[in-house]
Amino acid sequence: MPKFRFEFIESTAQPAIQVDMENLDAAKAEAKRAAKEAMLDGIVEGVDPTSWVTRIYDEAGYLVATIGFQDLVAAPQAVGQAHEQTDEPGVMRSG
């Protein structure tokens, strides 16, 4: 199994950890799970964790993914919803 290194960029220094994971998708899923747990801990402590980041590096030391905590709390876009707001709310323009 490939080994991935997780670096946690938070309000306090956190040690990097190395974990054997099945693949990059599994590493991203684990990073998101750990980030959500850390966010809850931060909120309980009265800290705004939305600026925190987890970086994932492969065995060779290359950065392969970055998980921004603010992305985990943002409302997901509805499928087919326009990314830009139109002048007329609720009206989709063709083009």
PDB file of N, CA and C in Angstrom:
ATOM      1  N   MET A   1       0.836  -1.183   0.000  1.00  0.00           N
ATOM      2  CA  MET A   1       0.000   0.000   0.000  1.00  0.00           C
ATOM      3  C   MET A   1       0.875   1.238   0.000  1.00  0.00           C
ATOM      4  N   PRO A   2       0.464   2.254  -0.747  1.00  0.00           N
ATOM      5  CA  PRO A   2       1.231   3.507  -0.737  1.00  0.00           C
ATOM      6  C   PRO A   2       1.116   4.213   0.617  1.00  0.00           C
ATOM      7  N   LYS A   3       2.144   4.957   0.945  1.00  0.00           N
ATOM      8  CA  LYS A   3       2.167   5.711   2.188  1.00  0.00           C
ATOM      9  C   LYS A   3       1.924   7.177   1.863  1.00  0.00           C
ATOM     10  N   PHE A   4       1.058   7.831   2.639  1.00  0.00           N
ATOM     11  CA  PHE A   4       0.752   9.240   2.465  1.00  0.00           C
ATOM     12  C   PHE A   4       1.087   9.977   3.754  1.00  0.00           C
ATOM     13  N   ARG A   5       1.584  11.206   3.603  1.00  0.00           N
ATOM     14  CA  ARG A   5       1.889  12.053   4.754  1.00  0.00           C
ATOM     15  C   ARG A   5       0.845  13.160   4.818  1.00  0.00           C
ATOM     16  N   PHE A   6       0.246  13.316   5.978  1.00  0.00           N
ATOM     17  CA  PHE A   6      -0.755  14.345   6.202  1.00  0.00           C
ATOM     18  C   PHE A   6      -0.141  15.455   7.046  1.00  0.00           C
ATOM     19  N   GLU A   7      -0.236  16.695   6.560  1.00  0.00           N
ATOM     20  CA  GLU A   7       0.199  17.855   7.341  1.00  0.00           C
ATOM     21  C   GLU A   7      -1.032  18.677   7.663  1.00  0.00           C
ATOM     22  N   PHE A   8      -1.177  19.017   8.938  1.00  0.00           N
ATOM     23  CA  PHE A   8      -2.335  19.763   9.402  1.00  0.00           C
ATOM     24  C   PHE A   8      -1.919  21.193   9.699  1.00  0.00           C
ATOM     25  N   ILE A   9      -2.445  22.132   8.932  1.00  0.00           N
ATOM     26  CA  ILE A   9      -2.137  23.548   9.126  1.00  0.00           C
ATOM     27  C   ILE A   9      -3.325  24.137   9.885  1.00  0.00           C
ATOM     28  N   GLU A  10      -3.142  24.290  11.198  1.00  0.00           N
ATOM     29  CA  GLU A  10      -4.219  24.750  12.075  1.00  0.00           C
ATOM     30  C   GLU A  10      -3.716  25.913  12.914  1.00  0.00           C
ATOM     31  N   SER A  11      -4.519  26.305  13.879  1.00  0.00           N
ATOM     32  CA  SER A  11      -4.139  27.435  14.730  1.00  0.00           C
ATOM     33  C   SER A  11      -2.977  27.087  15.650  1.00  0.00           C
ATOM     34  N   THR A  12      -2.790  25.812  15.963  1.00  0.00           N
ATOM     35  CA  THR A  12      -1.649  25.369  16.764  1.00  0.00           C
ATOM     36  C   THR A  12      -0.867  24.344  15.962  1.00  0.00           C
ATOM     37  N   ALA A  13       0.399  24.223  16.247  1.00  0.00           N
ATOM     38  CA  ALA A  13       1.247  23.292  15.508  1.00  0.00           C
ATOM     39  C   ALA A  13       0.789  21.854  15.749  1.00  0.00           C
ATOM     40  N   GLN A  14       0.623  21.131  14.678  1.00  0.00           N
ATOM     41  CA  GLN A  14       0.225  19.726  14.738  1.00  0.00           C
ATOM     42  C   GLN A  14       1.303  18.912  14.029  1.00  0.00           C
ATOM     43  N   PRO A  15       1.694  17.791  14.590  1.00  0.00           N
ATOM     44  CA  PRO A  15       2.715  16.971  13.920  1.00  0.00           C
ATOM     45  C   PRO A  15       2.139  16.301  12.676  1.00  0.00           C
ATOM     46  N   ALA A  16       2.975  16.167  11.660  1.00  0.00           N
ATOM     47  CA  ALA A  16       2.568  15.437  10.458  1.00  0.00           C
ATOM     48  C   ALA A  16       2.477  13.960  10.809  1.00  0.00           C
ATOM     49  N   ILE A  17       1.595  13.255  10.113  1.00  0.00           N
ATOM     50  CA  ILE A  17       1.490  11.813  10.321  1.00  0.00           C
ATOM     51  C   ILE A  17       1.647  11.115   8.985  1.00  0.00           C
ATOM     52  N   GLN A  18       2.161   9.896   9.028  1.00  0.00           N
ATOM     53  CA  GLN A  18       2.274   9.077   7.819  1.00  0.00           C
ATOM     54  C   GLN A  18       1.369   7.874   7.986  1.00  0.00           C
ATOM     55  N   VAL A  19       0.570   7.615   6.941  1.00  0.00           N
ATOM     56  CA  VAL A  19      -0.413   6.551   7.003  1.00  0.00           C
ATOM     57  C   VAL A  19      -0.379   5.749   5.708  1.00  0.00           C
ATOM     58  N   ASP A  20      -0.441   4.422   5.824  1.00  0.00           N
ATOM     59  CA  ASP A  20      -0.596   3.571   4.647  1.00  0.00           C
ATOM     60  C   ASP A  20      -2.071   3.609   4.260  1.00  0.00           C
ATOM     61  N   MET A  21      -2.343   3.997   3.031  1.00  0.00           N
ATOM     62  CA  MET A  21      -3.724   4.073   2.543  1.00  0.00           C
ATOM     63  C   MET A  21      -3.807   3.314   1.231  1.00  0.00           C
ATOM     64  N   GLU A  22      -5.002   2.862   0.921  1.00  0.00           N
ATOM     65  CA  GLU A  22      -5.237   2.077  -0.292  1.00  0.00           C
ATOM     66  C   GLU A  22      -4.868   2.848  -1.554  1.00  0.00           C
ATOM     67  N   ASN A  23      -5.285   4.139  -1.603  1.00  0.00           N
ATOM     68  CA  ASN A  23      -5.018   4.982  -2.770  1.00  0.00           C
ATOM     69  C   ASN A  23      -5.267   6.435  -2.380  1.00  0.00           C
ATOM     70  N   LEU A  24      -5.115   7.332  -3.347  1.00  0.00           N
ATOM     71  CA  LEU A  24      -5.297   8.757  -3.070  1.00  0.00           C
ATOM     72  C   LEU A  24      -6.724   9.070  -2.653  1.00  0.00           C
ATOM     73  N   ASP A  25      -7.713   8.435  -3.263  1.00  0.00           N
ATOM     74  CA  ASP A  25      -9.107   8.690  -2.884  1.00  0.00           C
ATOM     75  C   ASP A  25      -9.353   8.332  -1.420  1.00  0.00           C
ATOM     76  N   ALA A  26      -8.787   7.211  -0.982  1.00  0.00           N
ATOM     77  CA  ALA A  26      -8.920   6.816   0.418  1.00  0.00           C
ATOM     78  C   ALA A  26      -8.224   7.824   1.329  1.00  0.00           C
ATOM     79  N   ALA A  27      -7.075   8.335   0.898  1.00  0.00           N
ATOM     80  CA  ALA A  27      -6.350   9.336   1.686  1.00  0.00           C
ATOM     81  C   ALA A  27      -7.155  10.626   1.795  1.00  0.00           C
ATOM     82  N   LYS A  28      -7.779  11.047   0.699  1.00  0.00           N
ATOM     83  CA  LYS A  28      -8.619  12.251   0.740  1.00  0.00           C
ATOM     84  C   LYS A  28      -9.810  12.058   1.666  1.00  0.00           C
ATOM     85  N   ALA A  29     -10.449  10.901   1.592  1.00  0.00           N
ATOM     86  CA  ALA A  29     -11.599  10.616   2.452  1.00  0.00           C
ATOM     87  C   ALA A  29     -11.193  10.654   3.924  1.00  0.00           C
ATOM     88  N   GLU A  30     -10.042  10.084   4.242  1.00  0.00           N
ATOM     89  CA  GLU A  30      -9.555  10.094   5.622  1.00  0.00           C
ATOM     90  C   GLU A  30      -9.211  11.510   6.063  1.00  0.00           C
ATOM     91  N   ALA A  31      -8.613  12.300   5.169  1.00  0.00           N
ATOM     92  CA  ALA A  31      -8.280  13.691   5.504  1.00  0.00           C
ATOM     93  C   ALA A  31      -9.549  14.485   5.788  1.00  0.00           C
ATOM     94  N   LYS A  32     -10.591  14.276   5.005  1.00  0.00           N
ATOM     95  CA  LYS A  32     -11.857  14.980   5.238  1.00  0.00           C
ATOM     96  C   LYS A  32     -12.486  14.559   6.556  1.00  0.00           C
ATOM     97  N   ARG A  33     -12.440  13.256   6.857  1.00  0.00           N
ATOM     98  CA  ARG A  33     -12.998  12.767   8.116  1.00  0.00           C
ATOM     99  C   ARG A  33     -12.259  13.391   9.299  1.00  0.00           C
ATOM    100  N   ALA A  34     -10.925  13.371   9.236  1.00  0.00           N
ATOM    101  CA  ALA A  34     -10.115  13.938  10.311  1.00  0.00           C
ATOM    102  C   ALA A  34     -10.320  15.450  10.416  1.00  0.00           C
ATOM    103  N   ALA A  35     -10.483  16.121   9.283  1.00  0.00           N
ATOM    104  CA  ALA A  35     -10.698  17.567   9.284  1.00  0.00           C
ATOM    105  C   ALA A  35     -12.015  17.914   9.972  1.00  0.00           C
ATOM    106  N   LYS A  36     -13.049  17.152   9.687  1.00  0.00           N
ATOM    107  CA  LYS A  36     -14.345  17.412  10.330  1.00  0.00           C
ATOM    108  C   LYS A  36     -14.257  17.229  11.837  1.00  0.00           C
ATOM    109  N   GLU A  37     -13.534  16.211  12.257  1.00  0.00           N
ATOM    110  CA  GLU A  37     -13.347  15.972  13.685  1.00  0.00           C
ATOM    111  C   GLU A  37     -12.564  17.118  14.324  1.00  0.00           C
ATOM    112  N   ALA A  38     -11.498  17.562  13.657  1.00  0.00           N
ATOM    113  CA  ALA A  38     -10.690  18.673  14.170  1.00  0.00           C
ATOM    114  C   ALA A  38     -11.501  19.964  14.211  1.00  0.00           C
ATOM    115  N   MET A  39     -12.359  20.165  13.212  1.00  0.00           N
ATOM    116  CA  MET A  39     -13.194  21.364  13.192  1.00  0.00           C
ATOM    117  C   MET A  39     -14.118  21.397  14.400  1.00  0.00           C
ATOM    118  N   LEU A  40     -14.734  20.265  14.706  1.00  0.00           N
ATOM    119  CA  LEU A  40     -15.619  20.199  15.867  1.00  0.00           C
ATOM    120  C   LEU A  40     -14.855  20.527  17.144  1.00  0.00           C
ATOM    121  N   ASP A  41     -13.657  19.977  17.278  1.00  0.00           N
ATOM    122  CA  ASP A  41     -12.830  20.275  18.445  1.00  0.00           C
ATOM    123  C   ASP A  41     -12.503  21.765  18.507  1.00  0.00           C
ATOM    124  N   GLY A  42     -12.180  22.361  17.356  1.00  0.00           N
ATOM    125  CA  GLY A  42     -11.859  23.784  17.308  1.00  0.00           C
ATOM    126  C   GLY A  42     -13.041  24.652  17.695  1.00  0.00           C
ATOM    127  N   ILE A  43     -14.215  24.284  17.201  1.00  0.00           N
ATOM    128  CA  ILE A  43     -15.419  25.055  17.514  1.00  0.00           C
ATOM    129  C   ILE A  43     -15.711  24.990  19.012  1.00  0.00           C
ATOM    130  N   VAL A  44     -15.562  23.802  19.588  1.00  0.00           N
ATOM    131  CA  VAL A  44     -15.777  23.647  21.032  1.00  0.00           C
ATOM    132  C   VAL A  44     -14.817  24.540  21.809  1.00  0.00           C
ATOM    133  N   GLU A  45     -13.588  24.696  21.298  1.00  0.00           N
ATOM    134  CA  GLU A  45     -12.589  25.536  21.960  1.00  0.00           C
ATOM    135  C   GLU A  45     -12.767  27.015  21.636  1.00  0.00           C
ATOM    136  N   GLY A  46     -13.749  27.366  20.810  1.00  0.00           N
ATOM    137  CA  GLY A  46     -14.013  28.761  20.482  1.00  0.00           C
ATOM    138  C   GLY A  46     -13.143  29.318  19.379  1.00  0.00           C
ATOM    139  N   VAL A  47     -12.617  28.447  18.518  1.00  0.00           N
ATOM    140  CA  VAL A  47     -11.728  28.853  17.426  1.00  0.00           C
ATOM    141  C   VAL A  47     -12.475  28.721  16.102  1.00  0.00           C
ATOM    142  N   ASP A  48     -12.210  29.630  15.173  1.00  0.00           N
ATOM    143  CA  ASP A  48     -12.785  29.534  13.829  1.00  0.00           C
ATOM    144  C   ASP A  48     -11.858  28.678  12.971  1.00  0.00           C
ATOM    145  N   PRO A  49     -12.264  27.434  12.679  1.00  0.00           N
ATOM    146  CA  PRO A  49     -11.376  26.522  11.949  1.00  0.00           C
ATOM    147  C   PRO A  49     -11.464  26.628  10.429  1.00  0.00           C
ATOM    148  N   THR A  50     -12.213  27.571   9.885  1.00  0.00           N
ATOM    149  CA  THR A  50     -12.414  27.606   8.435  1.00  0.00           C
ATOM    150  C   THR A  50     -11.168  27.981   7.648  1.00  0.00           C
ATOM    151  N   SER A  51     -10.137  28.494   8.303  1.00  0.00           N
ATOM    152  CA  SER A  51      -8.895  28.815   7.587  1.00  0.00           C
ATOM    153  C   SER A  51      -7.895  27.662   7.642  1.00  0.00           C
ATOM    154  N   TRP A  52      -8.218  26.597   8.348  1.00  0.00           N
ATOM    155  CA  TRP A  52      -7.314  25.454   8.475  1.00  0.00           C
ATOM    156  C   TRP A  52      -7.251  24.661   7.186  1.00  0.00           C
ATOM    157  N   VAL A  53      -6.151  23.980   6.989  1.00  0.00           N
ATOM    158  CA  VAL A  53      -5.909  23.213   5.765  1.00  0.00           C
ATOM    159  C   VAL A  53      -5.195  21.909   6.127  1.00  0.00           C
ATOM    160  N   THR A  54      -5.507  20.849   5.391  1.00  0.00           N
ATOM    161  CA  THR A  54      -4.752  19.609   5.473  1.00  0.00           C
ATOM    162  C   THR A  54      -4.114  19.368   4.115  1.00  0.00           C
ATOM    163  N   ARG A  55      -2.810  19.137   4.109  1.00  0.00           N
ATOM    164  CA  ARG A  55      -2.102  18.835   2.864  1.00  0.00           C
ATOM    165  C   ARG A  55      -1.709  17.366   2.873  1.00  0.00           C
ATOM    166  N   ILE A  56      -1.859  16.727   1.708  1.00  0.00           N
ATOM    167  CA  ILE A  56      -1.521  15.314   1.572  1.00  0.00           C
ATOM    168  C   ILE A  56      -0.358  15.193   0.594  1.00  0.00           C
ATOM    169  N   TYR A  57       0.696  14.504   1.031  1.00  0.00           N
ATOM    170  CA  TYR A  57       1.883  14.273   0.212  1.00  0.00           C
ATOM    171  C   TYR A  57       2.022  12.785  -0.054  1.00  0.00           C
ATOM    172  N   ASP A  58       2.521  12.429  -1.244  1.00  0.00           N
ATOM    173  CA  ASP A  58       2.760  11.011  -1.554  1.00  0.00           C
ATOM    174  C   ASP A  58       4.112  10.578  -0.992  1.00  0.00           C
ATOM    175  N   GLU A  59       4.468   9.308  -1.220  1.00  0.00           N
ATOM    176  CA  GLU A  59       5.717   8.757  -0.680  1.00  0.00           C
ATOM    177  C   GLU A  59       6.950   9.493  -1.166  1.00  0.00           C
ATOM    178  N   ALA A  60       6.888  10.026  -2.381  1.00  0.00           N
ATOM    179  CA  ALA A  60       8.027  10.748  -2.939  1.00  0.00           C
ATOM    180  C   ALA A  60       8.126  12.177  -2.410  1.00  0.00           C
ATOM    181  N   GLY A  61       7.117  12.612  -1.646  1.00  0.00           N
ATOM    182  CA  GLY A  61       7.139  13.954  -1.076  1.00  0.00           C
ATOM    183  C   GLY A  61       6.406  14.994  -1.894  1.00  0.00           C
ATOM    184  N   TYR A  62       5.695  14.570  -2.944  1.00  0.00           N
ATOM    185  CA  TYR A  62       4.952  15.504  -3.774  1.00  0.00           C
ATOM    186  C   TYR A  62       3.590  15.799  -3.160  1.00  0.00           C
ATOM    187  N   LEU A  63       3.207  17.070  -3.168  1.00  0.00           N
ATOM    188  CA  LEU A  63       1.880  17.468  -2.712  1.00  0.00           C
ATOM    189  C   LEU A  63       0.864  16.929  -3.713  1.00  0.00           C
ATOM    190  N   VAL A  64      -0.069  16.097  -3.246  1.00  0.00           N
ATOM    191  CA  VAL A  64      -1.043  15.482  -4.151  1.00  0.00           C
ATOM    192  C   VAL A  64      -2.463  15.963  -3.907  1.00  0.00           C
ATOM    193  N   ALA A  65      -2.726  16.595  -2.756  1.00  0.00           N
ATOM    194  CA  ALA A  65      -4.065  17.119  -2.490  1.00  0.00           C
ATOM    195  C   ALA A  65      -4.005  18.111  -1.336  1.00  0.00           C
ATOM    196  N   THR A  66      -4.911  19.063  -1.384  1.00  0.00           N
ATOM    197  CA  THR A  66      -5.081  20.021  -0.299  1.00  0.00           C
ATOM    198  C   THR A  66      -6.561  20.054   0.050  1.00  0.00           C
ATOM    199  N   ILE A  67      -6.867  19.866   1.316  1.00  0.00           N
ATOM    200  CA  ILE A  67      -8.249  19.887   1.788  1.00  0.00           C
ATOM    201  C   ILE A  67      -8.418  21.153   2.613  1.00  0.00           C
ATOM    202  N   GLY A  68      -9.177  22.108   2.091  1.00  0.00           N
ATOM    203  CA  GLY A  68      -9.478  23.329   2.821  1.00  0.00           C
ATOM    204  C   GLY A  68     -10.693  23.112   3.701  1.00  0.00           C
ATOM    205  N   PHE A  69     -10.557  23.415   4.972  1.00  0.00           N
ATOM    206  CA  PHE A  69     -11.667  23.180   5.890  1.00  0.00           C
ATOM    207  C   PHE A  69     -12.899  24.000   5.506  1.00  0.00           C
ATOM    208  N   GLN A  70     -12.700  25.204   4.943  1.00  0.00           N
ATOM    209  CA  GLN A  70     -13.840  26.022   4.555  1.00  0.00           C
ATOM    210  C   GLN A  70     -14.676  25.323   3.486  1.00  0.00           C
ATOM    211  N   ASP A  71     -14.043  24.469   2.677  1.00  0.00           N
ATOM    212  CA  ASP A  71     -14.775  23.719   1.657  1.00  0.00           C
ATOM    213  C   ASP A  71     -15.699  22.680   2.268  1.00  0.00           C
ATOM    214  N   LEU A  72     -15.388  22.242   3.472  1.00  0.00           N
ATOM    215  CA  LEU A  72     -16.204  21.228   4.130  1.00  0.00           C
ATOM    216  C   LEU A  72     -17.460  21.809   4.763  1.00  0.00           C
ATOM    217  N   VAL A  73     -17.476  23.119   4.987  1.00  0.00           N
ATOM    218  CA  VAL A  73     -18.650  23.742   5.592  1.00  0.00           C
ATOM    219  C   VAL A  73     -19.472  24.543   4.592  1.00  0.00           C
ATOM    220  N   ALA A  74     -18.967  24.727   3.383  1.00  0.00           N
ATOM    221  CA  ALA A  74     -19.698  25.472   2.361  1.00  0.00           C
ATOM    222  C   ALA A  74     -20.889  24.649   1.889  1.00  0.00           C
ATOM    223  N   ALA A  75     -21.995  25.317   1.597  1.00  0.00           N
ATOM    224  CA  ALA A  75     -23.188  24.633   1.092  1.00  0.00           C
ATOM    225  C   ALA A  75     -22.895  24.074  -0.292  1.00  0.00           C
ATOM    226  N   PRO A  76     -23.192  22.798  -0.511  1.00  0.00           N
ATOM    227  CA  PRO A  76     -22.933  22.215  -1.828  1.00  0.00           C
ATOM    228  C   PRO A  76     -23.856  22.821  -2.887  1.00  0.00           C
ATOM    229  N   GLN A  77     -23.329  22.970  -4.108  1.00  0.00           N
ATOM    230  CA  GLN A  77     -24.125  23.475  -5.230  1.00  0.00           C
ATOM    231  C   GLN A  77     -25.111  22.404  -5.660  1.00  0.00           C
ATOM    232  N   ALA A  78     -26.332  22.804  -5.946  1.00  0.00           N
ATOM    233  CA  ALA A  78     -27.319  21.863  -6.467  1.00  0.00           C
ATOM    234  C   ALA A  78     -26.916  21.464  -7.877  1.00  0.00           C
ATOM    235  N   VAL A  79     -27.179  20.221  -8.226  1.00  0.00           N
ATOM    236  CA  VAL A  79     -26.834  19.730  -9.560  1.00  0.00           C
ATOM    237  C   VAL A  79     -27.586  20.558 -10.586  1.00  0.00           C
ATOM    238  N   GLY A  80     -26.865  21.061 -11.573  1.00  0.00           N
ATOM    239  CA  GLY A  80     -27.484  21.851 -12.634  1.00  0.00           C
ATOM    240  C   GLY A  80     -27.679  23.314 -12.281  1.00  0.00           C
ATOM    241  N   GLN A  81     -27.345  23.717 -11.060  1.00  0.00           N
ATOM    242  CA  GLN A  81     -27.510  25.105 -10.652  1.00  0.00           C
ATOM    243  C   GLN A  81     -26.401  25.948 -11.260  1.00  0.00           C
ATOM    244  N   ALA A  82     -26.764  27.139 -11.722  1.00  0.00           N
ATOM    245  CA  ALA A  82     -25.770  28.038 -12.319  1.00  0.00           C
ATOM    246  C   ALA A  82     -24.781  28.486 -11.253  1.00  0.00           C
ATOM    247  N   HIS A  83     -23.513  28.666 -11.641  1.00  0.00           N
ATOM    248  CA  HIS A  83     -22.489  29.111 -10.708  1.00  0.00           C
ATOM    249  C   HIS A  83     -22.554  30.612 -10.489  1.00  0.00           C
ATOM    250  N   GLU A  84     -23.091  31.356 -11.433  1.00  0.00           N
ATOM    251  CA  GLU A  84     -23.205  32.793 -11.308  1.00  0.00           C
ATOM    252  C   GLU A  84     -24.672  33.157 -11.132  1.00  0.00           C
ATOM    253  N   GLN A  85     -24.921  34.154 -10.299  1.00  0.00           N
ATOM    254  CA  GLN A  85     -26.288  34.584 -10.088  1.00  0.00           C
ATOM    255  C   GLN A  85     -26.713  35.440 -11.269  1.00  0.00           C
ATOM    256  N   THR A  86     -27.931  35.194 -11.773  1.00  0.00           N
ATOM    257  CA  THR A  86     -28.458  35.983 -12.878  1.00  0.00           C
ATOM    258  C   THR A  86     -29.127  37.227 -12.335  1.00  0.00           C
ATOM    259  N   ASP A  87     -29.478  38.168 -13.220  1.00  0.00           N
ATOM    260  CA  ASP A  87     -30.172  39.377 -12.801  1.00  0.00           C
ATOM    261  C   ASP A  87     -31.563  39.070 -12.277  1.00  0.00           C
ATOM    262  N   GLU A  88     -32.150  37.994 -12.765  1.00  0.00           N
ATOM    263  CA  GLU A  88     -33.491  37.616 -12.368  1.00  0.00           C
ATOM    264  C   GLU A  88     -33.422  36.296 -11.596  1.00  0.00           C
ATOM    265  N   PRO A  89     -33.557  36.355 -10.278  1.00  0.00           N
ATOM    266  CA  PRO A  89     -33.455  35.126  -9.493  1.00  0.00           C
ATOM    267  C   PRO A  89     -34.458  34.083  -9.973  1.00  0.00           C
ATOM    268  N   GLY A  90     -33.997  32.846 -10.035  1.00  0.00           N
ATOM    269  CA  GLY A  90     -34.878  31.763 -10.439  1.00  0.00           C
ATOM    270  C   GLY A  90     -34.998  31.573 -11.935  1.00  0.00           C
ATOM    271  N   VAL A  91     -34.370  32.434 -12.727  1.00  0.00           N
ATOM    272  CA  VAL A  91     -34.465  32.323 -14.175  1.00  0.00           C
ATOM    273  C   VAL A  91     -33.118  31.855 -14.712  1.00  0.00           C
ATOM    274  N   MET A  92     -33.131  30.727 -15.401  1.00  0.00           N
ATOM    275  CA  MET A  92     -31.906  30.211 -16.030  1.00  0.00           C
ATOM    276  C   MET A  92     -31.863  30.728 -17.449  1.00  0.00           C
ATOM    277  N   ARG A  93     -30.789  31.319 -17.828  1.00  0.00           N
ATOM    278  CA  ARG A  93     -30.648  31.832 -19.188  1.00  0.00           C
ATOM    279  C   ARG A  93     -29.941  30.794 -20.039  1.00  0.00           C
ATOM    280  N   SER A  94     -30.431  30.600 -21.243  1.00  0.00           N
ATOM    281  CA  SER A  94     -29.767  29.680 -22.155  1.00  0.00           C
ATOM    282  C   SER A  94     -28.666  30.444 -22.876  1.00  0.00           C
ATOM    283  N   GLY A  95     -27.741  29.731 -23.390  1.00  0.00           N
ATOM    284  CA  GLY A  95     -26.725  30.480 -24.091  1.00  0.00           C
ATOM    285  C   GLY A  95     -25.603  29.645 -24.397  1.00  0.00           C
TER     286      GLY A  95
END
